Amino acid sequence: MKAKLQEKGVDFNQTFHILEVCNPVEAKRVLSENSLVGYFLPCKIAVYEEKEKTRIGLPKPTALTGLVENDNLMAIATDIEKRLIACVDKSK
């Protein structure tokens, strides 16, 4: 993020990375259910430094999917969210 913003002439010196994580099979599954979910894809994990500590976080798929009010999508989002959080937890 830092390099991209500086490339565009914006002075940003904080170390900040956005990892786009996507399971293409799951992406197809949710997009087939409701194409509005495409606004939320791919899933992202943010890694940045704050007060000399590395922070890792992500927008929760369940929170985003709640905007389209679809129970089937919510079940899928819940599963994906659990897997993403497990990946983040393993990195600690």
PDB file of N, CA and C in Angstrom:
ATOM      1  N   MET A   1       0.825  -1.178   0.000  1.00  0.00           N
ATOM      2  CA  MET A   1       0.000   0.000   0.000  1.00  0.00           C
ATOM      3  C   MET A   1       0.877   1.253   0.000  1.00  0.00           C
ATOM      4  N   LYS A   2       1.918   1.228   0.826  1.00  0.00           N
ATOM      5  CA  LYS A   2       2.823   2.368   0.941  1.00  0.00           C
ATOM      6  C   LYS A   2       3.417   2.725  -0.421  1.00  0.00           C
ATOM      7  N   ALA A   3       3.949   1.729  -1.118  1.00  0.00           N
ATOM      8  CA  ALA A   3       4.574   1.971  -2.421  1.00  0.00           C
ATOM      9  C   ALA A   3       3.555   2.459  -3.445  1.00  0.00           C
ATOM     10  N   LYS A   4       2.365   1.884  -3.434  1.00  0.00           N
ATOM     11  CA  LYS A   4       1.330   2.265  -4.400  1.00  0.00           C
ATOM     12  C   LYS A   4       0.895   3.712  -4.184  1.00  0.00           C
ATOM     13  N   LEU A   5       0.712   4.107  -2.932  1.00  0.00           N
ATOM     14  CA  LEU A   5       0.322   5.490  -2.657  1.00  0.00           C
ATOM     15  C   LEU A   5       1.436   6.463  -3.019  1.00  0.00           C
ATOM     16  N   GLN A   6       2.671   6.097  -2.705  1.00  0.00           N
ATOM     17  CA  GLN A   6       3.791   6.964  -3.049  1.00  0.00           C
ATOM     18  C   GLN A   6       3.947   7.071  -4.565  1.00  0.00           C
ATOM     19  N   GLU A   7       3.672   5.984  -5.271  1.00  0.00           N
ATOM     20  CA  GLU A   7       3.709   5.990  -6.738  1.00  0.00           C
ATOM     21  C   GLU A   7       2.704   7.006  -7.294  1.00  0.00           C
ATOM     22  N   LYS A   8       1.623   7.224  -6.570  1.00  0.00           N
ATOM     23  CA  LYS A   8       0.572   8.152  -7.005  1.00  0.00           C
ATOM     24  C   LYS A   8       0.784   9.556  -6.436  1.00  0.00           C
ATOM     25  N   GLY A   9       1.943   9.773  -5.809  1.00  0.00           N
ATOM     26  CA  GLY A   9       2.274  11.091  -5.303  1.00  0.00           C
ATOM     27  C   GLY A   9       1.744  11.398  -3.913  1.00  0.00           C
ATOM     28  N   VAL A  10       1.290  10.376  -3.201  1.00  0.00           N
ATOM     29  CA  VAL A  10       0.765  10.572  -1.850  1.00  0.00           C
ATOM     30  C   VAL A  10       1.832  10.145  -0.848  1.00  0.00           C
ATOM     31  N   ASP A  11       2.157  11.047   0.071  1.00  0.00           N
ATOM     32  CA  ASP A  11       3.171  10.744   1.078  1.00  0.00           C
ATOM     33  C   ASP A  11       2.545   9.882   2.174  1.00  0.00           C
ATOM     34  N   PHE A  12       2.888   8.610   2.180  1.00  0.00           N
ATOM     35  CA  PHE A  12       2.355   7.652   3.158  1.00  0.00           C
ATOM     36  C   PHE A  12       3.505   6.767   3.577  1.00  0.00           C
ATOM     37  N   ASN A  13       3.885   6.812   4.837  1.00  0.00           N
ATOM     38  CA  ASN A  13       5.080   6.099   5.274  1.00  0.00           C
ATOM     39  C   ASN A  13       4.816   4.922   6.190  1.00  0.00           C
ATOM     40  N   GLN A  14       3.569   4.632   6.477  1.00  0.00           N
ATOM     41  CA  GLN A  14       3.244   3.495   7.341  1.00  0.00           C
ATOM     42  C   GLN A  14       3.338   2.195   6.539  1.00  0.00           C
ATOM     43  N   THR A  15       3.933   1.172   7.155  1.00  0.00           N
ATOM     44  CA  THR A  15       3.972  -0.140   6.516  1.00  0.00           C
ATOM     45  C   THR A  15       2.570  -0.727   6.579  1.00  0.00           C
ATOM     46  N   PHE A  16       1.994  -1.010   5.413  1.00  0.00           N
ATOM     47  CA  PHE A  16       0.606  -1.469   5.331  1.00  0.00           C
ATOM     48  C   PHE A  16       0.470  -2.331   4.089  1.00  0.00           C
ATOM     49  N   HIS A  17       0.093  -3.572   4.281  1.00  0.00           N
ATOM     50  CA  HIS A  17      -0.076  -4.495   3.155  1.00  0.00           C
ATOM     51  C   HIS A  17      -1.514  -4.989   3.127  1.00  0.00           C
ATOM     52  N   ILE A  18      -2.062  -5.098   1.939  1.00  0.00           N
ATOM     53  CA  ILE A  18      -3.381  -5.692   1.766  1.00  0.00           C
ATOM     54  C   ILE A  18      -3.196  -6.949   0.931  1.00  0.00           C
ATOM     55  N   LEU A  19      -3.523  -8.078   1.532  1.00  0.00           N
ATOM     56  CA  LEU A  19      -3.413  -9.363   0.847  1.00  0.00           C
ATOM     57  C   LEU A  19      -4.787  -9.731   0.312  1.00  0.00           C
ATOM     58  N   GLU A  20      -4.877  -9.938  -0.988  1.00  0.00           N
ATOM     59  CA  GLU A  20      -6.134 -10.389  -1.571  1.00  0.00           C
ATOM     60  C   GLU A  20      -6.110 -11.905  -1.587  1.00  0.00           C
ATOM     61  N   VAL A  21      -7.034 -12.494  -0.861  1.00  0.00           N
ATOM     62  CA  VAL A  21      -7.092 -13.950  -0.757  1.00  0.00           C
ATOM     63  C   VAL A  21      -8.401 -14.421  -1.375  1.00  0.00           C
ATOM     64  N   CYS A  22      -8.283 -15.359  -2.270  1.00  0.00           N
ATOM     65  CA  CYS A  22      -9.478 -15.798  -2.981  1.00  0.00           C
ATOM     66  C   CYS A  22      -9.423 -17.295  -3.224  1.00  0.00           C
ATOM     67  N   ASN A  23     -10.523 -17.943  -2.946  1.00  0.00           N
ATOM     68  CA  ASN A  23     -10.716 -19.334  -3.321  1.00  0.00           C
ATOM     69  C   ASN A  23     -11.657 -19.279  -4.518  1.00  0.00           C
ATOM     70  N   PRO A  24     -11.160 -19.547  -5.731  1.00  0.00           N
ATOM     71  CA  PRO A  24     -11.989 -19.378  -6.921  1.00  0.00           C
ATOM     72  C   PRO A  24     -13.257 -20.225  -6.922  1.00  0.00           C
ATOM     73  N   VAL A  25     -13.201 -21.395  -6.319  1.00  0.00           N
ATOM     74  CA  VAL A  25     -14.394 -22.252  -6.260  1.00  0.00           C
ATOM     75  C   VAL A  25     -15.467 -21.584  -5.393  1.00  0.00           C
ATOM     76  N   GLU A  26     -15.055 -21.050  -4.246  1.00  0.00           N
ATOM     77  CA  GLU A  26     -16.003 -20.358  -3.368  1.00  0.00           C
ATOM     78  C   GLU A  26     -16.509 -19.069  -4.014  1.00  0.00           C
ATOM     79  N   ALA A  27     -15.622 -18.358  -4.706  1.00  0.00           N
ATOM     80  CA  ALA A  27     -16.035 -17.126  -5.387  1.00  0.00           C
ATOM     81  C   ALA A  27     -17.126 -17.425  -6.410  1.00  0.00           C
ATOM     82  N   LYS A  28     -16.941 -18.471  -7.190  1.00  0.00           N
ATOM     83  CA  LYS A  28     -17.957 -18.847  -8.178  1.00  0.00           C
ATOM     84  C   LYS A  28     -19.264 -19.206  -7.482  1.00  0.00           C
ATOM     85  N   ARG A  29     -19.161 -19.930  -6.385  1.00  0.00           N
ATOM     86  CA  ARG A  29     -20.353 -20.370  -5.663  1.00  0.00           C
ATOM     87  C   ARG A  29     -21.175 -19.179  -5.153  1.00  0.00           C
ATOM     88  N   VAL A  30     -20.517 -18.207  -4.552  1.00  0.00           N
ATOM     89  CA  VAL A  30     -21.270 -17.070  -4.018  1.00  0.00           C
ATOM     90  C   VAL A  30     -21.744 -16.130  -5.123  1.00  0.00           C
ATOM     91  N   LEU A  31     -20.941 -15.960  -6.157  1.00  0.00           N
ATOM     92  CA  LEU A  31     -21.364 -15.106  -7.269  1.00  0.00           C
ATOM     93  C   LEU A  31     -22.547 -15.705  -8.017  1.00  0.00           C
ATOM     94  N   SER A  32     -22.596 -17.029  -8.088  1.00  0.00           N
ATOM     95  CA  SER A  32     -23.726 -17.699  -8.733  1.00  0.00           C
ATOM     96  C   SER A  32     -25.008 -17.510  -7.926  1.00  0.00           C
ATOM     97  N   GLU A  33     -24.864 -17.359  -6.642  1.00  0.00           N
ATOM     98  CA  GLU A  33     -26.009 -17.158  -5.749  1.00  0.00           C
ATOM     99  C   GLU A  33     -26.534 -15.717  -5.844  1.00  0.00           C
ATOM    100  N   ASN A  34     -25.595 -14.752  -5.870  1.00  0.00           N
ATOM    101  CA  ASN A  34     -25.989 -13.347  -5.933  1.00  0.00           C
ATOM    102  C   ASN A  34     -24.790 -12.531  -6.416  1.00  0.00           C
ATOM    103  N   SER A  35     -24.914 -11.925  -7.576  1.00  0.00           N
ATOM    104  CA  SER A  35     -23.782 -11.208  -8.165  1.00  0.00           C
ATOM    105  C   SER A  35     -23.389  -9.953  -7.372  1.00  0.00           C
ATOM    106  N   LEU A  36     -24.250  -9.463  -6.494  1.00  0.00           N
ATOM    107  CA  LEU A  36     -23.887  -8.309  -5.665  1.00  0.00           C
ATOM    108  C   LEU A  36     -22.705  -8.603  -4.751  1.00  0.00           C
ATOM    109  N   VAL A  37     -22.492  -9.877  -4.452  1.00  0.00           N
ATOM    110  CA  VAL A  37     -21.374 -10.263  -3.592  1.00  0.00           C
ATOM    111  C   VAL A  37     -20.039  -9.903  -4.254  1.00  0.00           C
ATOM    112  N   GLY A  38     -20.038  -9.728  -5.556  1.00  0.00           N
ATOM    113  CA  GLY A  38     -18.826  -9.336  -6.269  1.00  0.00           C
ATOM    114  C   GLY A  38     -18.222  -8.038  -5.752  1.00  0.00           C
ATOM    115  N   TYR A  39     -19.051  -7.200  -5.136  1.00  0.00           N
ATOM    116  CA  TYR A  39     -18.532  -5.960  -4.552  1.00  0.00           C
ATOM    117  C   TYR A  39     -17.575  -6.236  -3.397  1.00  0.00           C
ATOM    118  N   PHE A  40     -17.693  -7.396  -2.781  1.00  0.00           N
ATOM    119  CA  PHE A  40     -16.892  -7.723  -1.602  1.00  0.00           C
ATOM    120  C   PHE A  40     -15.679  -8.579  -1.933  1.00  0.00           C
ATOM    121  N   LEU A  41     -15.564  -9.014  -3.176  1.00  0.00           N
ATOM    122  CA  LEU A  41     -14.495  -9.942  -3.548  1.00  0.00           C
ATOM    123  C   LEU A  41     -13.333  -9.207  -4.188  1.00  0.00           C
ATOM    124  N   PRO A  42     -12.133  -9.719  -4.099  1.00  0.00           N
ATOM    125  CA  PRO A  42     -11.755 -10.881  -3.310  1.00  0.00           C
ATOM    126  C   PRO A  42     -11.688 -10.519  -1.827  1.00  0.00           C
ATOM    127  N   CYS A  43     -11.708 -11.536  -0.995  1.00  0.00           N
ATOM    128  CA  CYS A  43     -11.525 -11.318   0.445  1.00  0.00           C
ATOM    129  C   CYS A  43     -10.153 -10.688   0.669  1.00  0.00           C
ATOM    130  N   LYS A  44     -10.054  -9.889   1.698  1.00  0.00           N
ATOM    131  CA  LYS A  44      -8.791  -9.195   1.982  1.00  0.00           C
ATOM    132  C   LYS A  44      -8.358  -9.417   3.426  1.00  0.00           C
ATOM    133  N   ILE A  45      -7.053  -9.464   3.594  1.00  0.00           N
ATOM    134  CA  ILE A  45      -6.446  -9.486   4.922  1.00  0.00           C
ATOM    135  C   ILE A  45      -5.465  -8.319   4.957  1.00  0.00           C
ATOM    136  N   ALA A  46      -5.580  -7.481   5.972  1.00  0.00           N
ATOM    137  CA  ALA A  46      -4.684  -6.335   6.118  1.00  0.00           C
ATOM    138  C   ALA A  46      -3.601  -6.666   7.137  1.00  0.00           C
ATOM    139  N   VAL A  47      -2.370  -6.310   6.797  1.00  0.00           N
ATOM    140  CA  VAL A  47      -1.228  -6.497   7.693  1.00  0.00           C
ATOM    141  C   VAL A  47      -0.524  -5.142   7.758  1.00  0.00           C
ATOM    142  N   TYR A  48      -0.405  -4.615   8.970  1.00  0.00           N
ATOM    143  CA  TYR A  48       0.197  -3.293   9.105  1.00  0.00           C
ATOM    144  C   TYR A  48       0.875  -3.153  10.464  1.00  0.00           C
ATOM    145  N   GLU A  49       1.671  -2.101  10.581  1.00  0.00           N
ATOM    146  CA  GLU A  49       2.342  -1.813  11.842  1.00  0.00           C
ATOM    147  C   GLU A  49       1.658  -0.630  12.505  1.00  0.00           C
ATOM    148  N   GLU A  50       1.466  -0.763  13.822  1.00  0.00           N
ATOM    149  CA  GLU A  50       0.874   0.315  14.603  1.00  0.00           C
ATOM    150  C   GLU A  50       1.518   0.301  15.979  1.00  0.00           C
ATOM    151  N   LYS A  51       2.092   1.414  16.359  1.00  0.00           N
ATOM    152  CA  LYS A  51       2.776   1.524  17.650  1.00  0.00           C
ATOM    153  C   LYS A  51       3.766   0.384  17.863  1.00  0.00           C
ATOM    154  N   GLU A  52       4.578   0.149  16.849  1.00  0.00           N
ATOM    155  CA  GLU A  52       5.646  -0.853  16.877  1.00  0.00           C
ATOM    156  C   GLU A  52       5.145  -2.287  17.028  1.00  0.00           C
ATOM    157  N   LYS A  53       3.894  -2.537  16.709  1.00  0.00           N
ATOM    158  CA  LYS A  53       3.342  -3.892  16.715  1.00  0.00           C
ATOM    159  C   LYS A  53       2.757  -4.192  15.344  1.00  0.00           C
ATOM    160  N   THR A  54       2.876  -5.437  14.942  1.00  0.00           N
ATOM    161  CA  THR A  54       2.254  -5.865  13.696  1.00  0.00           C
ATOM    162  C   THR A  54       0.814  -6.255  13.981  1.00  0.00           C
ATOM    163  N   ARG A  55      -0.086  -5.718  13.186  1.00  0.00           N
ATOM    164  CA  ARG A  55      -1.518  -6.001  13.322  1.00  0.00           C
ATOM    165  C   ARG A  55      -1.990  -6.749  12.078  1.00  0.00           C
ATOM    166  N   ILE A  56      -2.902  -7.669  12.283  1.00  0.00           N
ATOM    167  CA  ILE A  56      -3.490  -8.424  11.174  1.00  0.00           C
ATOM    168  C   ILE A  56      -4.998  -8.414  11.376  1.00  0.00           C
ATOM    169  N   GLY A  57      -5.733  -8.115  10.319  1.00  0.00           N
ATOM    170  CA  GLY A  57      -7.184  -8.101  10.429  1.00  0.00           C
ATOM    171  C   GLY A  57      -7.842  -8.273   9.080  1.00  0.00           C
ATOM    172  N   LEU A  58      -9.148  -8.404   9.119  1.00  0.00           N
ATOM    173  CA  LEU A  58      -9.902  -8.585   7.885  1.00  0.00           C
ATOM    174  C   LEU A  58     -11.326  -8.105   8.062  1.00  0.00           C
ATOM    175  N   PRO A  59     -11.930  -7.644   6.963  1.00  0.00           N
ATOM    176  CA  PRO A  59     -13.360  -7.373   7.034  1.00  0.00           C
ATOM    177  C   PRO A  59     -14.080  -8.717   7.105  1.00  0.00           C
ATOM    178  N   LYS A  60     -14.978  -8.869   8.043  1.00  0.00           N
ATOM    179  CA  LYS A  60     -15.650 -10.158   8.220  1.00  0.00           C
ATOM    180  C   LYS A  60     -16.638 -10.413   7.082  1.00  0.00           C
ATOM    181  N   PRO A  61     -16.487 -11.534   6.395  1.00  0.00           N
ATOM    182  CA  PRO A  61     -17.426 -11.866   5.323  1.00  0.00           C
ATOM    183  C   PRO A  61     -18.882 -11.879   5.784  1.00  0.00           C
ATOM    184  N   THR A  62     -19.139 -12.262   7.034  1.00  0.00           N
ATOM    185  CA  THR A  62     -20.525 -12.287   7.515  1.00  0.00           C
ATOM    186  C   THR A  62     -21.102 -10.875   7.609  1.00  0.00           C
ATOM    187  N   ALA A  63     -20.286  -9.918   8.003  1.00  0.00           N
ATOM    188  CA  ALA A  63     -20.760  -8.535   8.093  1.00  0.00           C
ATOM    189  C   ALA A  63     -21.091  -7.993   6.708  1.00  0.00           C
ATOM    190  N   LEU A  64     -20.222  -8.276   5.742  1.00  0.00           N
ATOM    191  CA  LEU A  64     -20.458  -7.803   4.378  1.00  0.00           C
ATOM    192  C   LEU A  64     -21.647  -8.511   3.742  1.00  0.00           C
ATOM    193  N   THR A  65     -21.736  -9.816   3.936  1.00  0.00           N
ATOM    194  CA  THR A  65     -22.811 -10.598   3.332  1.00  0.00           C
ATOM    195  C   THR A  65     -24.162 -10.235   3.935  1.00  0.00           C
ATOM    196  N   GLY A  66     -24.164  -9.786   5.167  1.00  0.00           N
ATOM    197  CA  GLY A  66     -25.407  -9.352   5.792  1.00  0.00           C
ATOM    198  C   GLY A  66     -26.100  -8.242   5.018  1.00  0.00           C
ATOM    199  N   LEU A  67     -25.351  -7.521   4.209  1.00  0.00           N
ATOM    200  CA  LEU A  67     -25.926  -6.437   3.413  1.00  0.00           C
ATOM    201  C   LEU A  67     -26.844  -6.941   2.304  1.00  0.00           C
ATOM    202  N   VAL A  68     -26.672  -8.198   1.878  1.00  0.00           N
ATOM    203  CA  VAL A  68     -27.520  -8.726   0.797  1.00  0.00           C
ATOM    204  C   VAL A  68     -28.650  -9.609   1.311  1.00  0.00           C
ATOM    205  N   GLU A  69     -28.700  -9.841   2.617  1.00  0.00           N
ATOM    206  CA  GLU A  69     -29.797 -10.557   3.272  1.00  0.00           C
ATOM    207  C   GLU A  69     -30.191 -11.855   2.553  1.00  0.00           C
ATOM    208  N   ASN A  70     -29.282 -12.824   2.588  1.00  0.00           N
ATOM    209  CA  ASN A  70     -29.522 -14.117   1.951  1.00  0.00           C
ATOM    210  C   ASN A  70     -28.979 -15.193   2.897  1.00  0.00           C
ATOM    211  N   ASP A  71     -29.873 -16.041   3.404  1.00  0.00           N
ATOM    212  CA  ASP A  71     -29.473 -17.044   4.398  1.00  0.00           C
ATOM    213  C   ASP A  71     -28.456 -18.041   3.861  1.00  0.00           C
ATOM    214  N   ASN A  72     -28.597 -18.446   2.607  1.00  0.00           N
ATOM    215  CA  ASN A  72     -27.651 -19.393   2.017  1.00  0.00           C
ATOM    216  C   ASN A  72     -26.261 -18.765   1.916  1.00  0.00           C
ATOM    217  N   LEU A  73     -26.207 -17.518   1.471  1.00  0.00           N
ATOM    218  CA  LEU A  73     -24.922 -16.817   1.401  1.00  0.00           C
ATOM    219  C   LEU A  73     -24.321 -16.616   2.788  1.00  0.00           C
ATOM    220  N   MET A  74     -25.165 -16.371   3.767  1.00  0.00           N
ATOM    221  CA  MET A  74     -24.662 -16.167   5.130  1.00  0.00           C
ATOM    222  C   MET A  74     -24.001 -17.438   5.656  1.00  0.00           C
ATOM    223  N   ALA A  75     -24.572 -18.587   5.324  1.00  0.00           N
ATOM    224  CA  ALA A  75     -23.970 -19.857   5.752  1.00  0.00           C
ATOM    225  C   ALA A  75     -22.597 -20.040   5.108  1.00  0.00           C
ATOM    226  N   ILE A  76     -22.498 -19.712   3.832  1.00  0.00           N
ATOM    227  CA  ILE A  76     -21.212 -19.817   3.127  1.00  0.00           C
ATOM    228  C   ILE A  76     -20.219 -18.824   3.724  1.00  0.00           C
ATOM    229  N   ALA A  77     -20.664 -17.594   3.952  1.00  0.00           N
ATOM    230  CA  ALA A  77     -19.789 -16.558   4.512  1.00  0.00           C
ATOM    231  C   ALA A  77     -19.283 -16.943   5.898  1.00  0.00           C
ATOM    232  N   THR A  78     -20.138 -17.575   6.685  1.00  0.00           N
ATOM    233  CA  THR A  78     -19.738 -18.013   8.027  1.00  0.00           C
ATOM    234  C   THR A  78     -18.607 -19.028   7.939  1.00  0.00           C
ATOM    235  N   ASP A  79     -18.721 -19.966   7.019  1.00  0.00           N
ATOM    236  CA  ASP A  79     -17.676 -20.977   6.829  1.00  0.00           C
ATOM    237  C   ASP A  79     -16.373 -20.336   6.355  1.00  0.00           C
ATOM    238  N   ILE A  80     -16.469 -19.462   5.370  1.00  0.00           N
ATOM    239  CA  ILE A  80     -15.276 -18.791   4.838  1.00  0.00           C
ATOM    240  C   ILE A  80     -14.613 -17.945   5.925  1.00  0.00           C
ATOM    241  N   GLU A  81     -15.422 -17.245   6.703  1.00  0.00           N
ATOM    242  CA  GLU A  81     -14.888 -16.412   7.781  1.00  0.00           C
ATOM    243  C   GLU A  81     -14.110 -17.242   8.800  1.00  0.00           C
ATOM    244  N   LYS A  82     -14.653 -18.385   9.174  1.00  0.00           N
ATOM    245  CA  LYS A  82     -13.954 -19.270  10.117  1.00  0.00           C
ATOM    246  C   LYS A  82     -12.603 -19.692   9.558  1.00  0.00           C
ATOM    247  N   ARG A  83     -12.567 -20.019   8.261  1.00  0.00           N
ATOM    248  CA  ARG A  83     -11.296 -20.436   7.651  1.00  0.00           C
ATOM    249  C   ARG A  83     -10.298 -19.289   7.590  1.00  0.00           C
ATOM    250  N   LEU A  84     -10.762 -18.095   7.252  1.00  0.00           N
ATOM    251  CA  LEU A  84      -9.861 -16.940   7.197  1.00  0.00           C
ATOM    252  C   LEU A  84      -9.298 -16.614   8.579  1.00  0.00           C
ATOM    253  N   ILE A  85     -10.150 -16.631   9.585  1.00  0.00           N
ATOM    254  CA  ILE A  85      -9.690 -16.347  10.952  1.00  0.00           C
ATOM    255  C   ILE A  85      -8.694 -17.408  11.413  1.00  0.00           C
ATOM    256  N   ALA A  86      -8.924 -18.657  11.046  1.00  0.00           N
ATOM    257  CA  ALA A  86      -7.974 -19.724  11.391  1.00  0.00           C
ATOM    258  C   ALA A  86      -6.615 -19.455  10.749  1.00  0.00           C
ATOM    259  N   CYS A  87      -6.609 -18.973   9.514  1.00  0.00           N
ATOM    260  CA  CYS A  87      -5.341 -18.642   8.844  1.00  0.00           C
ATOM    261  C   CYS A  87      -4.629 -17.504   9.564  1.00  0.00           C
ATOM    262  N   VAL A  88      -5.379 -16.484   9.934  1.00  0.00           N
ATOM    263  CA  VAL A  88      -4.786 -15.356  10.656  1.00  0.00           C
ATOM    264  C   VAL A  88      -4.240 -15.827  11.999  1.00  0.00           C
ATOM    265  N   ASP A  89      -5.005 -16.637  12.707  1.00  0.00           N
ATOM    266  CA  ASP A  89      -4.560 -17.140  14.011  1.00  0.00           C
ATOM    267  C   ASP A  89      -3.284 -17.971  13.897  1.00  0.00           C
ATOM    268  N   LYS A  90      -3.155 -18.737  12.834  1.00  0.00           N
ATOM    269  CA  LYS A  90      -1.946 -19.549  12.639  1.00  0.00           C
ATOM    270  C   LYS A  90      -0.720 -18.682  12.390  1.00  0.00           C
ATOM    271  N   SER A  91      -0.923 -17.474  11.899  1.00  0.00           N
ATOM    272  CA  SER A  91       0.216 -16.612  11.575  1.00  0.00           C
ATOM    273  C   SER A  91       0.788 -15.911  12.804  1.00  0.00           C
ATOM    274  N   LYS A  92       0.093 -15.976  13.916  1.00  0.00           N
ATOM    275  CA  LYS A  92       0.543 -15.263  15.126  1.00  0.00           C
ATOM    276  C   LYS A  92       1.667 -15.994  15.813  1.00  0.00           C
TER     277      LYS A  92
END
